[in-house]
PDB file of N, CA and C in Angstrom:
ATOM      1  N   UNK A   1     -14.373  18.107  -9.543  1.00  0.00           N
ATOM      2  CA  UNK A   1     -13.450  16.856 -10.160  1.00  0.00           C
ATOM      3  C   UNK A   1     -14.358  16.172  -9.377  1.00  0.00           C
ATOM      4  N   UNK A   2     -14.270  14.710  -9.903  1.00  0.00           N
ATOM      5  CA  UNK A   2     -15.000  13.759  -9.690  1.00  0.00           C
ATOM      6  C   UNK A   2     -15.034  13.340  -8.339  1.00  0.00           C
ATOM      7  N   UNK A   3     -16.046  12.648  -7.587  1.00  0.00           N
ATOM      8  CA  UNK A   3     -15.845  12.162  -6.071  1.00  0.00           C
ATOM      9  C   UNK A   3     -15.964  11.035  -6.258  1.00  0.00           C
ATOM     10  N   UNK A   4     -15.203  10.643  -5.658  1.00  0.00           N
ATOM     11  CA  UNK A   4     -14.510   9.426  -5.171  1.00  0.00           C
ATOM     12  C   UNK A   4     -15.188   8.349  -3.647  1.00  0.00           C
ATOM     13  N   UNK A   5     -15.922   7.530  -4.373  1.00  0.00           N
ATOM     14  CA  UNK A   5     -15.805   6.611  -3.158  1.00  0.00           C
ATOM     15  C   UNK A   5     -15.143   5.887  -2.510  1.00  0.00           C
ATOM     16  N   UNK A   6     -14.483   5.639  -2.071  1.00  0.00           N
ATOM     17  CA  UNK A   6     -12.790   4.635  -1.548  1.00  0.00           C
ATOM     18  C   UNK A   6     -13.108   3.601  -1.372  1.00  0.00           C
ATOM     19  N   UNK A   7     -14.692   3.514  -1.169  1.00  0.00           N
ATOM     20  CA  UNK A   7     -15.071   1.422  -0.697  1.00  0.00           C
ATOM     21  C   UNK A   7     -15.457   0.882  -2.416  1.00  0.00           C
ATOM     22  N   UNK A   8     -15.738   2.010  -2.989  1.00  0.00           N
ATOM     23  CA  UNK A   8     -15.726   1.125  -4.075  1.00  0.00           C
ATOM     24  C   UNK A   8     -14.666   1.059  -5.641  1.00  0.00           C
ATOM     25  N   UNK A   9     -13.907   1.391  -4.649  1.00  0.00           N
ATOM     26  CA  UNK A   9     -12.314   1.404  -5.473  1.00  0.00           C
ATOM     27  C   UNK A   9     -11.692   0.227  -5.463  1.00  0.00           C
ATOM     28  N   UNK A  10     -11.216  -0.568  -6.896  1.00  0.00           N
ATOM     29  CA  UNK A  10     -10.225  -1.149  -6.871  1.00  0.00           C
ATOM     30  C   UNK A  10      -8.983  -0.933  -6.019  1.00  0.00           C
ATOM     31  N   UNK A  11      -8.238  -0.361  -6.379  1.00  0.00           N
ATOM     32  CA  UNK A  11      -6.900  -0.081  -5.729  1.00  0.00           C
ATOM     33  C   UNK A  11      -7.204   0.232  -4.076  1.00  0.00           C
ATOM     34  N   UNK A  12      -8.524   0.517  -3.737  1.00  0.00           N
ATOM     35  CA  UNK A  12      -7.845   0.672  -2.262  1.00  0.00           C
ATOM     36  C   UNK A  12      -8.948  -1.041  -2.035  1.00  0.00           C
ATOM     37  N   UNK A  13      -9.449  -1.298  -1.986  1.00  0.00           N
ATOM     38  CA  UNK A  13      -9.821  -3.114  -1.908  1.00  0.00           C
ATOM     39  C   UNK A  13      -8.435  -3.798  -2.219  1.00  0.00           C
ATOM     40  N   UNK A  14      -7.437  -3.967  -3.003  1.00  0.00           N
ATOM     41  CA  UNK A  14      -6.426  -4.081  -3.444  1.00  0.00           C
ATOM     42  C   UNK A  14      -5.399  -3.775  -1.918  1.00  0.00           C
ATOM     43  N   UNK A  15      -5.824  -3.062  -1.790  1.00  0.00           N
ATOM     44  CA  UNK A  15      -4.643  -2.614  -1.133  1.00  0.00           C
ATOM     45  C   UNK A  15      -5.234  -3.189   0.504  1.00  0.00           C
ATOM     46  N   UNK A  16      -5.996  -3.207   1.294  1.00  0.00           N
ATOM     47  CA  UNK A  16      -6.679  -4.359   1.884  1.00  0.00           C
ATOM     48  C   UNK A  16      -6.807  -5.723   2.413  1.00  0.00           C
ATOM     49  N   UNK A  17      -6.777  -5.870   1.306  1.00  0.00           N
ATOM     50  CA  UNK A  17      -7.111  -6.556   1.556  1.00  0.00           C
ATOM     51  C   UNK A  17      -5.249  -7.509   1.095  1.00  0.00           C
ATOM     52  N   UNK A  18      -4.342  -6.702   0.889  1.00  0.00           N
ATOM     53  CA  UNK A  18      -2.500  -6.815   0.927  1.00  0.00           C
ATOM     54  C   UNK A  18      -2.448  -6.624   2.924  1.00  0.00           C
ATOM     55  N   UNK A  19      -2.980  -5.970   3.224  1.00  0.00           N
ATOM     56  CA  UNK A  19      -3.024  -5.518   4.418  1.00  0.00           C
ATOM     57  C   UNK A  19      -3.017  -6.341   5.295  1.00  0.00           C
ATOM     58  N   UNK A  20      -4.075  -7.922   4.758  1.00  0.00           N
ATOM     59  CA  UNK A  20      -4.812  -8.768   5.971  1.00  0.00           C
ATOM     60  C   UNK A  20      -3.318  -9.594   6.187  1.00  0.00           C
ATOM     61  N   UNK A  21      -2.993 -10.052   4.418  1.00  0.00           N
ATOM     62  CA  UNK A  21      -1.606 -10.956   4.251  1.00  0.00           C
ATOM     63  C   UNK A  21      -0.507 -10.781   5.301  1.00  0.00           C
ATOM     64  N   UNK A  22      -0.548  -9.310   4.904  1.00  0.00           N
ATOM     65  CA  UNK A  22       0.570  -8.472   5.906  1.00  0.00           C
ATOM     66  C   UNK A  22       0.997  -9.222   7.328  1.00  0.00           C
ATOM     67  N   UNK A  23      -0.104  -8.818   7.568  1.00  0.00           N
ATOM     68  CA  UNK A  23      -0.451  -9.133   9.404  1.00  0.00           C
ATOM     69  C   UNK A  23      -0.306 -10.211   8.919  1.00  0.00           C
ATOM     70  N   UNK A  24      -1.269 -11.614   8.546  1.00  0.00           N
ATOM     71  CA  UNK A  24      -0.735 -12.549   9.132  1.00  0.00           C
ATOM     72  C   UNK A  24       0.739 -13.019   8.611  1.00  0.00           C
ATOM     73  N   UNK A  25       1.259 -12.300   7.994  1.00  0.00           N
ATOM     74  CA  UNK A  25       2.753 -12.662   8.199  1.00  0.00           C
ATOM     75  C   UNK A  25       3.900 -12.412   8.745  1.00  0.00           C
ATOM     76  N   UNK A  26       3.479 -10.949   9.251  1.00  0.00           N
ATOM     77  CA  UNK A  26       4.240 -10.605  10.429  1.00  0.00           C
ATOM     78  C   UNK A  26       4.140 -11.279  11.713  1.00  0.00           C
ATOM     79  N   UNK A  27       2.826 -11.910  11.871  1.00  0.00           N
ATOM     80  CA  UNK A  27       1.796 -12.536  12.766  1.00  0.00           C
ATOM     81  C   UNK A  27       2.827 -13.177  13.339  1.00  0.00           C
ATOM     82  N   UNK A  28       4.001 -14.345  12.831  1.00  0.00           N
ATOM     83  CA  UNK A  28       4.628 -15.269  13.183  1.00  0.00           C
ATOM     84  C   UNK A  28       6.538 -14.656  13.120  1.00  0.00           C
ATOM     85  N   UNK A  29       6.459 -13.511  12.878  1.00  0.00           N
ATOM     86  CA  UNK A  29       8.457 -13.664  13.462  1.00  0.00           C
ATOM     87  C   UNK A  29       8.326 -13.629  14.333  1.00  0.00           C
ATOM     88  N   UNK A  30       9.342 -13.521  14.289  1.00  0.00           N
ATOM     89  CA  UNK A  30      10.351 -13.584  15.469  1.00  0.00           C
ATOM     90  C   UNK A  30       9.430 -12.410  16.722  1.00  0.00           C
ATOM     91  N   UNK A  31       9.775 -12.452  18.052  1.00  0.00           N
ATOM     92  CA  UNK A  31       8.863 -11.099  19.020  1.00  0.00           C
ATOM     93  C   UNK A  31      10.210 -10.014  19.156  1.00  0.00           C
ATOM     94  N   UNK A  32      11.574 -10.687  18.969  1.00  0.00           N
ATOM     95  CA  UNK A  32      12.445  -9.575  18.766  1.00  0.00           C
ATOM     96  C   UNK A  32      12.236  -8.497  18.118  1.00  0.00           C
ATOM     97  N   UNK A  33      11.477  -8.719  16.634  1.00  0.00           N
ATOM     98  CA  UNK A  33      10.796  -8.210  15.568  1.00  0.00           C
ATOM     99  C   UNK A  33       9.434  -6.816  15.984  1.00  0.00           C
ATOM    100  N   UNK A  34       9.322  -7.505  17.013  1.00  0.00           N
ATOM    101  CA  UNK A  34       8.039  -6.388  17.144  1.00  0.00           C
ATOM    102  C   UNK A  34       7.761  -4.568  17.195  1.00  0.00           C
ATOM    103  N   UNK A  35       9.086  -4.625  17.736  1.00  0.00           N
ATOM    104  CA  UNK A  35       8.762  -3.162  17.659  1.00  0.00           C
ATOM    105  C   UNK A  35       9.917  -2.583  16.794  1.00  0.00           C
ATOM    106  N   UNK A  36      10.421  -3.276  16.013  1.00  0.00           N
ATOM    107  CA  UNK A  36      11.047  -2.500  14.659  1.00  0.00           C
ATOM    108  C   UNK A  36      10.781  -2.985  13.615  1.00  0.00           C
ATOM    109  N   UNK A  37      10.983  -4.652  12.604  1.00  0.00           N
ATOM    110  CA  UNK A  37      10.806  -4.456  11.463  1.00  0.00           C
ATOM    111  C   UNK A  37       8.962  -5.225  11.370  1.00  0.00           C
ATOM    112  N   UNK A  38       7.937  -6.046  12.159  1.00  0.00           N
ATOM    113  CA  UNK A  38       7.247  -5.616  12.451  1.00  0.00           C
ATOM    114  C   UNK A  38       6.383  -4.681  12.592  1.00  0.00           C
ATOM    115  N   UNK A  39       6.660  -3.957  13.020  1.00  0.00           N
ATOM    116  CA  UNK A  39       6.121  -2.363  13.518  1.00  0.00           C
ATOM    117  C   UNK A  39       6.279  -1.453  12.047  1.00  0.00           C
ATOM    118  N   UNK A  40       6.933  -1.383  11.459  1.00  0.00           N
ATOM    119  CA  UNK A  40       7.095  -0.784  10.598  1.00  0.00           C
ATOM    120  C   UNK A  40       6.306  -0.876   9.059  1.00  0.00           C
ATOM    121  N   UNK A  41       6.590  -2.081   8.962  1.00  0.00           N
ATOM    122  CA  UNK A  41       5.984  -3.037   7.982  1.00  0.00           C
ATOM    123  C   UNK A  41       3.846  -3.145   8.021  1.00  0.00           C
ATOM    124  N   UNK A  42       3.617  -3.213   9.194  1.00  0.00           N
ATOM    125  CA  UNK A  42       2.657  -3.081   9.246  1.00  0.00           C
ATOM    126  C   UNK A  42       1.789  -1.876   9.509  1.00  0.00           C
ATOM    127  N   UNK A  43       3.267  -0.999   9.740  1.00  0.00           N
ATOM    128  CA  UNK A  43       2.418   0.645   9.177  1.00  0.00           C
ATOM    129  C   UNK A  43       2.490   1.006   8.031  1.00  0.00           C
ATOM    130  N   UNK A  44       3.599   0.523   7.240  1.00  0.00           N
ATOM    131  CA  UNK A  44       4.151   0.954   5.763  1.00  0.00           C
ATOM    132  C   UNK A  44       2.371  -0.010   5.010  1.00  0.00           C
ATOM    133  N   UNK A  45       2.353  -0.906   5.289  1.00  0.00           N
ATOM    134  CA  UNK A  45       0.556  -2.125   4.608  1.00  0.00           C
ATOM    135  C   UNK A  45       0.085  -0.985   5.689  1.00  0.00           C
ATOM    136  N   UNK A  46      -0.775  -0.830   6.096  1.00  0.00           N
ATOM    137  CA  UNK A  46      -1.831  -0.013   6.435  1.00  0.00           C
ATOM    138  C   UNK A  46      -2.059   1.582   6.216  1.00  0.00           C
ATOM    139  N   UNK A  47      -0.943   2.102   5.748  1.00  0.00           N
ATOM    140  CA  UNK A  47      -0.463   3.805   5.303  1.00  0.00           C
ATOM    141  C   UNK A  47      -1.255   3.301   3.681  1.00  0.00           C
ATOM    142  N   UNK A  48      -0.690   2.438   2.595  1.00  0.00           N
ATOM    143  CA  UNK A  48      -1.435   2.126   1.642  1.00  0.00           C
ATOM    144  C   UNK A  48      -2.739   2.668   1.241  1.00  0.00           C
ATOM    145  N   UNK A  49      -4.147   1.658   2.032  1.00  0.00           N
ATOM    146  CA  UNK A  49      -5.145   2.038   0.953  1.00  0.00           C
ATOM    147  C   UNK A  49      -5.777   2.824   2.715  1.00  0.00           C
ATOM    148  N   UNK A  50      -4.980   3.422   3.577  1.00  0.00           N
ATOM    149  CA  UNK A  50      -5.222   4.666   4.006  1.00  0.00           C
ATOM    150  C   UNK A  50      -5.444   5.540   3.506  1.00  0.00           C
ATOM    151  N   UNK A  51      -4.062   6.081   2.439  1.00  0.00           N
ATOM    152  CA  UNK A  51      -3.822   7.515   2.160  1.00  0.00           C
ATOM    153  C   UNK A  51      -4.451   6.987   0.832  1.00  0.00           C
ATOM    154  N   UNK A  52      -4.930   6.154  -0.158  1.00  0.00           N
ATOM    155  CA  UNK A  52      -6.081   6.000  -0.564  1.00  0.00           C
ATOM    156  C   UNK A  52      -7.419   6.852  -0.435  1.00  0.00           C
ATOM    157  N   UNK A  53      -7.988   6.388   0.635  1.00  0.00           N
ATOM    158  CA  UNK A  53      -9.212   6.613   1.426  1.00  0.00           C
ATOM    159  C   UNK A  53      -8.439   8.345   1.879  1.00  0.00           C
ATOM    160  N   UNK A  54      -8.182   8.728   2.006  1.00  0.00           N
ATOM    161  CA  UNK A  54      -7.701  10.317   2.753  1.00  0.00           C
ATOM    162  C   UNK A  54      -7.992  11.225   0.939  1.00  0.00           C
ATOM    163  N   UNK A  55      -7.148  10.640   0.886  1.00  0.00           N
ATOM    164  CA  UNK A  55      -6.947  11.283  -0.417  1.00  0.00           C
ATOM    165  C   UNK A  55      -8.194  11.498  -1.574  1.00  0.00           C
ATOM    166  N   UNK A  56      -9.342  10.122  -1.398  1.00  0.00           N
ATOM    167  CA  UNK A  56     -10.619  10.414  -2.002  1.00  0.00           C
ATOM    168  C   UNK A  56     -11.679  11.712  -1.668  1.00  0.00           C
ATOM    169  N   UNK A  57     -11.300  11.892  -0.269  1.00  0.00           N
ATOM    170  CA  UNK A  57     -11.791  12.797  -0.002  1.00  0.00           C
ATOM    171  C   UNK A  57     -11.826  14.434   0.191  1.00  0.00           C
ATOM    172  N   UNK A  58     -10.540  14.673  -0.360  1.00  0.00           N
ATOM    173  CA  UNK A  58     -10.200  15.611  -1.130  1.00  0.00           C
ATOM    174  C   UNK A  58     -11.468  16.122  -1.964  1.00  0.00           C
ATOM    175  N   UNK A  59     -11.017  17.367  -1.839  1.00  0.00           N
ATOM    176  CA  UNK A  59     -11.790  18.336  -2.869  1.00  0.00           C
ATOM    177  C   UNK A  59     -10.918  18.689  -4.614  1.00  0.00           C
ATOM    178  N   UNK A  60      -9.878  18.468  -4.681  1.00  0.00           N
ATOM    179  CA  UNK A  60      -9.424  18.959  -5.748  1.00  0.00           C
ATOM    180  C   UNK A  60      -8.512  17.073  -5.960  1.00  0.00           C
ATOM    181  N   UNK A  61      -8.661  17.112  -7.849  1.00  0.00           N
ATOM    182  CA  UNK A  61      -7.207  16.081  -8.596  1.00  0.00           C
ATOM    183  C   UNK A  61      -6.311  15.853  -7.515  1.00  0.00           C
ATOM    184  N   UNK A  62      -5.366  17.618  -7.793  1.00  0.00           N
ATOM    185  CA  UNK A  62      -4.254  17.569  -7.815  1.00  0.00           C
ATOM    186  C   UNK A  62      -4.167  17.258  -6.034  1.00  0.00           C
ATOM    187  N   UNK A  63      -5.216  17.502  -5.086  1.00  0.00           N
ATOM    188  CA  UNK A  63      -4.746  16.834  -3.948  1.00  0.00           C
ATOM    189  C   UNK A  63      -5.014  15.368  -4.055  1.00  0.00           C
ATOM    190  N   UNK A  64      -6.244  15.047  -4.510  1.00  0.00           N
ATOM    191  CA  UNK A  64      -5.719  13.626  -4.400  1.00  0.00           C
ATOM    192  C   UNK A  64      -4.587  12.687  -4.644  1.00  0.00           C
ATOM    193  N   UNK A  65      -4.054  13.165  -6.285  1.00  0.00           N
ATOM    194  CA  UNK A  65      -2.886  12.908  -6.221  1.00  0.00           C
ATOM    195  C   UNK A  65      -2.435  12.871  -6.354  1.00  0.00           C
ATOM    196  N   UNK A  66      -1.554  13.676  -4.662  1.00  0.00           N
ATOM    197  CA  UNK A  66      -1.026  13.913  -3.858  1.00  0.00           C
ATOM    198  C   UNK A  66      -0.737  12.491  -2.757  1.00  0.00           C
ATOM    199  N   UNK A  67      -1.871  12.152  -2.681  1.00  0.00           N
ATOM    200  CA  UNK A  67      -2.111  10.844  -1.623  1.00  0.00           C
ATOM    201  C   UNK A  67      -1.938  10.414  -2.207  1.00  0.00           C
ATOM    202  N   UNK A  68      -1.807   9.584  -3.587  1.00  0.00           N
ATOM    203  CA  UNK A  68      -1.941   8.680  -4.051  1.00  0.00           C
ATOM    204  C   UNK A  68      -0.438   8.438  -4.270  1.00  0.00           C
ATOM    205  N   UNK A  69       0.140   9.467  -3.959  1.00  0.00           N
ATOM    206  CA  UNK A  69       1.814   9.407  -4.283  1.00  0.00           C
ATOM    207  C   UNK A  69       2.251   9.330  -2.722  1.00  0.00           C
ATOM    208  N   UNK A  70       1.560   9.653  -2.127  1.00  0.00           N
ATOM    209  CA  UNK A  70       1.518   9.024  -0.375  1.00  0.00           C
ATOM    210  C   UNK A  70       1.846   7.690  -0.072  1.00  0.00           C
ATOM    211  N   UNK A  71       0.312   7.114  -0.976  1.00  0.00           N
ATOM    212  CA  UNK A  71       0.466   5.282  -0.526  1.00  0.00           C
ATOM    213  C   UNK A  71       1.995   4.398  -1.797  1.00  0.00           C
ATOM    214  N   UNK A  72       1.507   5.229  -2.957  1.00  0.00           N
ATOM    215  CA  UNK A  72       2.854   4.736  -4.168  1.00  0.00           C
ATOM    216  C   UNK A  72       4.156   4.413  -3.249  1.00  0.00           C
ATOM    217  N   UNK A  73       4.731   5.702  -2.391  1.00  0.00           N
ATOM    218  CA  UNK A  73       5.641   6.167  -1.732  1.00  0.00           C
ATOM    219  C   UNK A  73       5.277   4.324  -0.261  1.00  0.00           C
ATOM    220  N   UNK A  74       4.630   3.835  -0.089  1.00  0.00           N
ATOM    221  CA  UNK A  74       4.225   3.424   0.869  1.00  0.00           C
ATOM    222  C   UNK A  74       4.141   2.504   0.527  1.00  0.00           C
ATOM    223  N   UNK A  75       3.839   1.738  -1.155  1.00  0.00           N
ATOM    224  CA  UNK A  75       3.419   0.613  -1.884  1.00  0.00           C
ATOM    225  C   UNK A  75       5.308  -0.038  -1.740  1.00  0.00           C
ATOM    226  N   UNK A  76       6.145   1.298  -2.149  1.00  0.00           N
ATOM    227  CA  UNK A  76       7.140   0.930  -2.565  1.00  0.00           C
ATOM    228  C   UNK A  76       8.035   0.458  -1.200  1.00  0.00           C
ATOM    229  N   UNK A  77       7.925   0.718   0.022  1.00  0.00           N
ATOM    230  CA  UNK A  77       8.659   0.900   1.044  1.00  0.00           C
ATOM    231  C   UNK A  77       8.660  -0.469   1.238  1.00  0.00           C
ATOM    232  N   UNK A  78       7.202  -0.477   1.153  1.00  0.00           N
ATOM    233  CA  UNK A  78       6.503  -2.218   1.602  1.00  0.00           C
ATOM    234  C   UNK A  78       6.842  -3.319   1.195  1.00  0.00           C
ATOM    235  N   UNK A  79       7.512  -3.433  -0.554  1.00  0.00           N
ATOM    236  CA  UNK A  79       7.909  -4.419  -0.928  1.00  0.00           C
ATOM    237  C   UNK A  79       9.714  -4.503  -0.460  1.00  0.00           C
ATOM    238  N   UNK A  80       9.925  -3.351  -0.413  1.00  0.00           N
ATOM    239  CA  UNK A  80      11.894  -3.797   0.567  1.00  0.00           C
ATOM    240  C   UNK A  80      11.811  -4.260   1.799  1.00  0.00           C
ATOM    241  N   UNK A  81      10.407  -3.822   2.411  1.00  0.00           N
ATOM    242  CA  UNK A  81      10.448  -4.331   3.841  1.00  0.00           C
ATOM    243  C   UNK A  81      10.544  -6.605   3.328  1.00  0.00           C
ATOM    244  N   UNK A  82       9.611  -6.487   2.425  1.00  0.00           N
ATOM    245  CA  UNK A  82       9.038  -8.056   1.965  1.00  0.00           C
ATOM    246  C   UNK A  82      10.885  -9.064   1.524  1.00  0.00           C
ATOM    247  N   UNK A  83      10.822  -7.838   0.945  1.00  0.00           N
ATOM    248  CA  UNK A  83      12.781  -8.564   0.048  1.00  0.00           C
ATOM    249  C   UNK A  83      13.514  -8.630   1.571  1.00  0.00           C
ATOM    250  N   UNK A  84      13.111  -7.458   2.615  1.00  0.00           N
ATOM    251  CA  UNK A  84      14.348  -8.197   3.578  1.00  0.00           C
ATOM    252  C   UNK A  84      13.734  -9.116   4.935  1.00  0.00           C
ATOM    253  N   UNK A  85      12.848  -9.726   4.035  1.00  0.00           N
ATOM    254  CA  UNK A  85      12.497 -10.397   5.322  1.00  0.00           C
ATOM    255  C   UNK A  85      11.852 -12.345   4.978  1.00  0.00           C
ATOM    256  N   UNK A  86      12.144 -11.516   3.163  1.00  0.00           N
ATOM    257  CA  UNK A  86      12.824 -13.321   2.483  1.00  0.00           C
ATOM    258  C   UNK A  86      13.986 -12.694   2.602  1.00  0.00           C
ATOM    259  N   UNK A  87      14.860 -12.259   2.589  1.00  0.00           N
ATOM    260  CA  UNK A  87      16.368 -12.454   2.803  1.00  0.00           C
ATOM    261  C   UNK A  87      16.878 -11.993   4.576  1.00  0.00           C
ATOM    262  N   UNK A  88      16.025 -12.226   5.850  1.00  0.00           N
ATOM    263  CA  UNK A  88      16.732 -12.038   6.505  1.00  0.00           C
ATOM    264  C   UNK A  88      16.417 -13.504   7.330  1.00  0.00           C
ATOM    265  N   UNK A  89      14.807 -13.649   6.581  1.00  0.00           N
ATOM    266  CA  UNK A  89      14.074 -14.659   7.236  1.00  0.00           C
ATOM    267  C   UNK A  89      13.588 -15.755   7.312  1.00  0.00           C
ATOM    268  N   UNK A  90      13.615 -15.627   5.428  1.00  0.00           N
ATOM    269  CA  UNK A  90      13.492 -16.561   4.153  1.00  0.00           C
ATOM    270  C   UNK A  90      11.655 -16.471   4.438  1.00  0.00           C
ATOM    271  N   UNK A  91      11.345 -15.767   4.279  1.00  0.00           N
ATOM    272  CA  UNK A  91       9.667 -15.215   5.120  1.00  0.00           C
ATOM    273  C   UNK A  91       9.592 -15.807   3.205  1.00  0.00           C
ATOM    274  N   UNK A  92       8.787 -16.436   3.029  1.00  0.00           N
ATOM    275  CA  UNK A  92       8.684 -16.564   1.376  1.00  0.00           C
ATOM    276  C   UNK A  92       7.440 -15.391   1.745  1.00  0.00           C
ATOM    277  N   UNK A  93       7.817 -14.766   0.680  1.00  0.00           N
ATOM    278  CA  UNK A  93       6.795 -13.315   0.710  1.00  0.00           C
ATOM    279  C   UNK A  93       6.860 -12.711  -0.869  1.00  0.00           C
ATOM    280  N   UNK A  94       6.826 -13.561  -2.144  1.00  0.00           N
ATOM    281  CA  UNK A  94       6.623 -13.556  -3.376  1.00  0.00           C
ATOM    282  C   UNK A  94       5.476 -12.649  -4.082  1.00  0.00           C
ATOM    283  N   UNK A  95       4.436 -14.496  -3.857  1.00  0.00           N
ATOM    284  CA  UNK A  95       2.816 -13.636  -3.732  1.00  0.00           C
ATOM    285  C   UNK A  95       2.772 -12.257  -3.224  1.00  0.00           C
ATOM    286  N   UNK A  96       3.147 -11.988  -2.236  1.00  0.00           N
ATOM    287  CA  UNK A  96       2.418 -10.776  -1.800  1.00  0.00           C
ATOM    288  C   UNK A  96       3.140  -9.539  -2.732  1.00  0.00           C
ATOM    289  N   UNK A  97       4.491  -9.955  -2.829  1.00  0.00           N
ATOM    290  CA  UNK A  97       5.839  -9.274  -4.005  1.00  0.00           C
ATOM    291  C   UNK A  97       4.896  -8.681  -4.606  1.00  0.00           C
ATOM    292  N   UNK A  98       4.968 -10.277  -5.577  1.00  0.00           N
ATOM    293  CA  UNK A  98       3.722 -10.009  -7.325  1.00  0.00           C
ATOM    294  C   UNK A  98       2.518  -9.218  -7.300  1.00  0.00           C
ATOM    295  N   UNK A  99       1.822  -8.719  -6.059  1.00  0.00           N
ATOM    296  CA  UNK A  99       0.512  -8.500  -5.114  1.00  0.00           C
ATOM    297  C   UNK A  99       0.323  -7.382  -5.276  1.00  0.00           C
ATOM    298  N   UNK A 100       1.983  -6.220  -4.798  1.00  0.00           N
ATOM    299  CA  UNK A 100       2.173  -4.692  -4.542  1.00  0.00           C
ATOM    300  C   UNK A 100       2.677  -4.247  -6.163  1.00  0.00           C
ATOM    301  N   UNK A 101       3.260  -5.937  -6.728  1.00  0.00           N
ATOM    302  CA  UNK A 101       3.828  -4.699  -8.296  1.00  0.00           C
ATOM    303  C   UNK A 101       2.268  -3.917  -8.638  1.00  0.00           C
ATOM    304  N   UNK A 102       1.123  -5.433  -8.401  1.00  0.00           N
ATOM    305  CA  UNK A 102       0.360  -5.051  -9.930  1.00  0.00           C
ATOM    306  C   UNK A 102      -0.628  -3.786  -9.053  1.00  0.00           C
ATOM    307  N   UNK A 103      -0.382  -3.419  -7.561  1.00  0.00           N
ATOM    308  CA  UNK A 103      -0.909  -2.670  -6.587  1.00  0.00           C
ATOM    309  C   UNK A 103      -0.303  -1.098  -7.180  1.00  0.00           C
ATOM    310  N   UNK A 104       0.683  -0.968  -7.499  1.00  0.00           N
ATOM    311  CA  UNK A 104       2.036   0.322  -7.998  1.00  0.00           C
ATOM    312  C   UNK A 104       1.183   0.001  -8.778  1.00  0.00           C
ATOM    313  N   UNK A 105       1.206  -0.664 -10.342  1.00  0.00           N
ATOM    314  CA  UNK A 105       0.811  -0.079 -11.648  1.00  0.00           C
ATOM    315  C   UNK A 105      -0.593   0.250 -11.032  1.00  0.00           C
ATOM    316  N   UNK A 106      -1.177   0.045 -10.639  1.00  0.00           N
ATOM    317  CA  UNK A 106      -2.825   0.696 -10.241  1.00  0.00           C
ATOM    318  C   UNK A 106      -2.734   1.809  -9.845  1.00  0.00           C
ATOM    319  N   UNK A 107      -2.268   2.148  -8.824  1.00  0.00           N
ATOM    320  CA  UNK A 107      -2.241   2.811  -8.295  1.00  0.00           C
ATOM    321  C   UNK A 107      -1.511   4.523  -9.204  1.00  0.00           C
ATOM    322  N   UNK A 108      -0.704   3.481 -10.040  1.00  0.00           N
ATOM    323  CA  UNK A 108       0.236   5.020 -10.848  1.00  0.00           C
ATOM    324  C   UNK A 108      -0.845   4.995 -12.501  1.00  0.00           C
ATOM    325  N   UNK A 109      -1.382   3.769 -13.144  1.00  0.00           N
ATOM    326  CA  UNK A 109      -2.392   4.032 -13.997  1.00  0.00           C
ATOM    327  C   UNK A 109      -3.362   5.334 -13.296  1.00  0.00           C
ATOM    328  N   UNK A 110      -4.486   5.026 -12.425  1.00  0.00           N
ATOM    329  CA  UNK A 110      -5.403   5.772 -11.666  1.00  0.00           C
ATOM    330  C   UNK A 110      -4.719   6.919 -11.995  1.00  0.00           C
ATOM    331  N   UNK A 111      -3.855   7.099 -10.849  1.00  0.00           N
ATOM    332  CA  UNK A 111      -3.129   8.708 -10.478  1.00  0.00           C
ATOM    333  C   UNK A 111      -2.700   9.244 -11.957  1.00  0.00           C
ATOM    334  N   UNK A 112      -2.563   8.536 -12.825  1.00  0.00           N
ATOM    335  CA  UNK A 112      -2.319   9.943 -14.345  1.00  0.00           C
ATOM    336  C   UNK A 112      -3.502   9.805 -15.006  1.00  0.00           C
ATOM    337  N   UNK A 113      -4.348   9.216 -14.639  1.00  0.00           N
ATOM    338  CA  UNK A 113      -5.973   9.506 -15.280  1.00  0.00           C
ATOM    339  C   UNK A 113      -6.472  10.604 -14.704  1.00  0.00           C
ATOM    340  N   UNK A 114      -6.592  10.762 -13.190  1.00  0.00           N
ATOM    341  CA  UNK A 114      -6.978  11.297 -12.026  1.00  0.00           C
ATOM    342  C   UNK A 114      -6.063  13.161 -12.776  1.00  0.00           C
ATOM    343  N   UNK A 115      -4.735  13.102 -13.428  1.00  0.00           N
ATOM    344  CA  UNK A 115      -3.616  14.307 -13.532  1.00  0.00           C
ATOM    345  C   UNK A 115      -4.445  14.555 -14.977  1.00  0.00           C
ATOM    346  N   UNK A 116      -5.078  13.335 -15.642  1.00  0.00           N
ATOM    347  CA  UNK A 116      -5.148  14.421 -17.168  1.00  0.00           C
ATOM    348  C   UNK A 116      -6.387  15.104 -16.769  1.00  0.00           C
ATOM    349  N   UNK A 117      -6.870  15.074 -15.705  1.00  0.00           N
ATOM    350  CA  UNK A 117      -8.617  15.700 -15.304  1.00  0.00           C
ATOM    351  C   UNK A 117      -8.032  16.437 -14.757  1.00  0.00           C
ATOM    352  N   UNK A 118      -6.405  17.292 -14.506  1.00  0.00           N
ATOM    353  CA  UNK A 118      -6.533  18.319 -13.852  1.00  0.00           C
ATOM    354  C   UNK A 118      -7.249  19.494 -14.245  1.00  0.00           C
TER     355      UNK A 118
END
C-alpha cells in the first residue's frame, strides 16, 4: 500500500475548508439549535476530514477505503442538513452544497483508484 499523508491530500484540504465555512454558517443560527441542528451539522462536517485522516493511517487500501466510505456518508448527511437549513431558516447554503458535491465526487474518485490497487 502506498503511504498517504493526509495533509497533502486535496480531498482533506477541501474538506477542512468546508468545515470552516460550515462553522461560520452555524455560529449565526438561533441559540435554540445549538444542541440540535448546529451540533449535528458541525459533527458531520468535522467527520469528513477526520475519517480521511484516520483512513490514511491504516495499513491496507481496503481499510482506508472503508474510512473514505464513512467520510462520503458524512458528506451526504451534511448535504441533507444544509438543505434543511435553507428550508427551515432560509440560510443560503448553495455555495457550500456545490463545494460538497464536488468533494463527494473527489472522494469517490480517489476511493475508486484506491480500490483498483487492492
